[in-house]
């Protein structure tokens, strides 16, 4: 009966280069950089520019959803007029977007 069963011998493992073992990690890092990190850095740069260019009279919307016109700009805060004689002070970083002129009239 031994002639039906063949002996199994271990084969020599194919040697892998050092670069080939790190290739999947390099590819994963490249995908994360171009799909997640780079777009996030671009959005952060655009937001910093938007916040630095805020001026009196701009109509803005905050992260909390408040729509108002800027009446005063200081180093860290802006004062928004939400309605007649209703003003709130918010941090500059809380401004999410500058809206086109006339947005408050149409809202």
C-alpha atoms as a PDB file:
ATOM      1  CA  UNK A   1       0.000   0.000   0.000  1.00  0.00           C
ATOM      2  CA  UNK A   2       2.879   2.404   0.352  1.00  0.00           C
ATOM      3  CA  UNK A   3       3.174   2.782  -3.377  1.00  0.00           C
ATOM      4  CA  UNK A   4      -0.092   4.786  -3.600  1.00  0.00           C
ATOM      5  CA  UNK A   5       1.070   7.451  -1.154  1.00  0.00           C
ATOM      6  CA  UNK A   6       3.854   9.710  -2.344  1.00  0.00           C
ATOM      7  CA  UNK A   7       6.185  11.467   0.014  1.00  0.00           C
ATOM      8  CA  UNK A   8       5.686  15.230   0.382  1.00  0.00           C
ATOM      9  CA  UNK A   9       8.901  17.197   0.564  1.00  0.00           C
ATOM     10  CA  UNK A  10       9.114  20.817   1.635  1.00  0.00           C
ATOM     11  CA  UNK A  11       9.972  23.183  -1.173  1.00  0.00           C
ATOM     12  CA  UNK A  12      12.401  26.005  -0.811  1.00  0.00           C
ATOM     13  CA  UNK A  13      10.597  29.295  -0.114  1.00  0.00           C
ATOM     14  CA  UNK A  14      11.006  31.883  -2.842  1.00  0.00           C
ATOM     15  CA  UNK A  15      13.119  34.715  -1.449  1.00  0.00           C
ATOM     16  CA  UNK A  16      11.265  38.035  -1.386  1.00  0.00           C
ATOM     17  CA  UNK A  17      13.054  41.324  -1.700  1.00  0.00           C
ATOM     18  CA  UNK A  18      12.797  43.897   1.087  1.00  0.00           C
ATOM     19  CA  UNK A  19      10.899  46.341  -1.120  1.00  0.00           C
ATOM     20  CA  UNK A  20       8.282  43.784  -2.146  1.00  0.00           C
ATOM     21  CA  UNK A  21       7.310  43.140   1.466  1.00  0.00           C
ATOM     22  CA  UNK A  22       6.737  46.880   2.079  1.00  0.00           C
ATOM     23  CA  UNK A  23       4.948  47.520  -1.228  1.00  0.00           C
ATOM     24  CA  UNK A  24       1.398  46.961   0.157  1.00  0.00           C
ATOM     25  CA  UNK A  25       2.071  49.416   3.004  1.00  0.00           C
ATOM     26  CA  UNK A  26       3.399  52.008   0.575  1.00  0.00           C
ATOM     27  CA  UNK A  27       0.342  51.608  -1.663  1.00  0.00           C
ATOM     28  CA  UNK A  28      -2.052  51.924   1.292  1.00  0.00           C
ATOM     29  CA  UNK A  29      -0.286  55.076   2.521  1.00  0.00           C
ATOM     30  CA  UNK A  30      -0.435  56.588  -0.982  1.00  0.00           C
ATOM     31  CA  UNK A  31      -4.169  55.884  -1.234  1.00  0.00           C
ATOM     32  CA  UNK A  32      -4.817  57.434   2.206  1.00  0.00           C
ATOM     33  CA  UNK A  33      -2.751  60.490   1.306  1.00  0.00           C
ATOM     34  CA  UNK A  34      -4.486  61.207  -1.997  1.00  0.00           C
ATOM     35  CA  UNK A  35      -8.009  60.240  -0.889  1.00  0.00           C
ATOM     36  CA  UNK A  36      -8.134  61.585   2.692  1.00  0.00           C
ATOM     37  CA  UNK A  37      -5.207  63.689   3.869  1.00  0.00           C
ATOM     38  CA  UNK A  38      -4.609  65.923   0.846  1.00  0.00           C
ATOM     39  CA  UNK A  39      -8.275  66.958   0.301  1.00  0.00           C
ATOM     40  CA  UNK A  40      -8.668  67.694   4.024  1.00  0.00           C
ATOM     41  CA  UNK A  41      -5.569  69.921   4.011  1.00  0.00           C
ATOM     42  CA  UNK A  42      -6.932  71.750   0.955  1.00  0.00           C
ATOM     43  CA  UNK A  43     -10.306  72.378   2.667  1.00  0.00           C
ATOM     44  CA  UNK A  44      -8.561  73.616   5.826  1.00  0.00           C
ATOM     45  CA  UNK A  45      -6.431  76.025   3.792  1.00  0.00           C
ATOM     46  CA  UNK A  46      -9.510  77.375   1.988  1.00  0.00           C
ATOM     47  CA  UNK A  47     -11.334  77.867   5.316  1.00  0.00           C
ATOM     48  CA  UNK A  48      -8.365  79.729   6.839  1.00  0.00           C
ATOM     49  CA  UNK A  49      -8.344  82.045   3.810  1.00  0.00           C
ATOM     50  CA  UNK A  50     -12.133  82.579   4.052  1.00  0.00           C
ATOM     51  CA  UNK A  51     -11.897  83.461   7.762  1.00  0.00           C
ATOM     52  CA  UNK A  52      -8.993  85.852   7.220  1.00  0.00           C
ATOM     53  CA  UNK A  53     -10.903  87.752   4.502  1.00  0.00           C
ATOM     54  CA  UNK A  54     -14.095  88.362   6.522  1.00  0.00           C
ATOM     55  CA  UNK A  55     -15.213  91.986   6.332  1.00  0.00           C
ATOM     56  CA  UNK A  56     -17.992  94.195   7.632  1.00  0.00           C
ATOM     57  CA  UNK A  57     -21.130  93.826   5.519  1.00  0.00           C
ATOM     58  CA  UNK A  58     -20.494  90.212   4.422  1.00  0.00           C
ATOM     59  CA  UNK A  59     -23.459  87.894   4.683  1.00  0.00           C
ATOM     60  CA  UNK A  60     -22.355  84.631   6.270  1.00  0.00           C
ATOM     61  CA  UNK A  61     -23.689  81.371   7.604  1.00  0.00           C
ATOM     62  CA  UNK A  62     -22.188  79.830  10.746  1.00  0.00           C
ATOM     63  CA  UNK A  63     -21.523  76.189  11.590  1.00  0.00           C
ATOM     64  CA  UNK A  64     -24.626  76.326  13.781  1.00  0.00           C
ATOM     65  CA  UNK A  65     -26.793  77.434  10.852  1.00  0.00           C
ATOM     66  CA  UNK A  66     -27.218  81.105  11.743  1.00  0.00           C
ATOM     67  CA  UNK A  67     -27.519  83.431   8.760  1.00  0.00           C
ATOM     68  CA  UNK A  68     -26.535  87.026   9.350  1.00  0.00           C
ATOM     69  CA  UNK A  69     -24.647  90.122   8.227  1.00  0.00           C
ATOM     70  CA  UNK A  70     -21.305  91.001   9.819  1.00  0.00           C
ATOM     71  CA  UNK A  71     -21.478  94.318  11.669  1.00  0.00           C
ATOM     72  CA  UNK A  72     -18.136  94.204  13.491  1.00  0.00           C
ATOM     73  CA  UNK A  73     -14.905  92.274  12.990  1.00  0.00           C
ATOM     74  CA  UNK A  74     -12.258  91.818  15.668  1.00  0.00           C
ATOM     75  CA  UNK A  75      -9.204  89.604  15.895  1.00  0.00           C
ATOM     76  CA  UNK A  76     -11.021  86.541  17.277  1.00  0.00           C
ATOM     77  CA  UNK A  77     -14.738  87.344  16.990  1.00  0.00           C
ATOM     78  CA  UNK A  78     -17.281  88.719  14.554  1.00  0.00           C
ATOM     79  CA  UNK A  79     -20.610  90.292  15.436  1.00  0.00           C
ATOM     80  CA  UNK A  80     -23.537  89.120  13.339  1.00  0.00           C
ATOM     81  CA  UNK A  81     -26.807  90.955  12.923  1.00  0.00           C
ATOM     82  CA  UNK A  82     -29.455  88.252  12.615  1.00  0.00           C
ATOM     83  CA  UNK A  83     -32.473  90.574  12.530  1.00  0.00           C
ATOM     84  CA  UNK A  84     -33.219  94.196  13.375  1.00  0.00           C
ATOM     85  CA  UNK A  85     -31.577  94.923  16.765  1.00  0.00           C
ATOM     86  CA  UNK A  86     -30.611  91.230  17.255  1.00  0.00           C
ATOM     87  CA  UNK A  87     -26.855  90.778  17.324  1.00  0.00           C
ATOM     88  CA  UNK A  88     -24.703  87.841  18.380  1.00  0.00           C
ATOM     89  CA  UNK A  89     -20.971  87.522  18.741  1.00  0.00           C
ATOM     90  CA  UNK A  90     -19.367  84.341  17.366  1.00  0.00           C
ATOM     91  CA  UNK A  91     -15.809  83.172  16.869  1.00  0.00           C
ATOM     92  CA  UNK A  92     -14.347  83.777  13.438  1.00  0.00           C
ATOM     93  CA  UNK A  93     -13.698  80.056  13.043  1.00  0.00           C
ATOM     94  CA  UNK A  94     -17.443  79.384  13.447  1.00  0.00           C
ATOM     95  CA  UNK A  95     -18.154  81.023  10.086  1.00  0.00           C
ATOM     96  CA  UNK A  96     -18.775  78.209   7.619  1.00  0.00           C
ATOM     97  CA  UNK A  97     -19.437  80.094   4.392  1.00  0.00           C
ATOM     98  CA  UNK A  98     -19.789  83.557   2.905  1.00  0.00           C
ATOM     99  CA  UNK A  99     -23.109  83.886   1.111  1.00  0.00           C
ATOM    100  CA  UNK A 100     -23.815  86.062  -1.945  1.00  0.00           C
ATOM    101  CA  UNK A 101     -25.076  89.583  -1.274  1.00  0.00           C
ATOM    102  CA  UNK A 102     -28.867  89.711  -0.919  1.00  0.00           C
ATOM    103  CA  UNK A 103     -29.242  86.240   0.555  1.00  0.00           C
ATOM    104  CA  UNK A 104     -30.790  87.569   3.754  1.00  0.00           C
ATOM    105  CA  UNK A 105     -33.439  89.517   1.822  1.00  0.00           C
ATOM    106  CA  UNK A 106     -34.483  86.409  -0.118  1.00  0.00           C
ATOM    107  CA  UNK A 107     -34.542  84.128   2.957  1.00  0.00           C
END
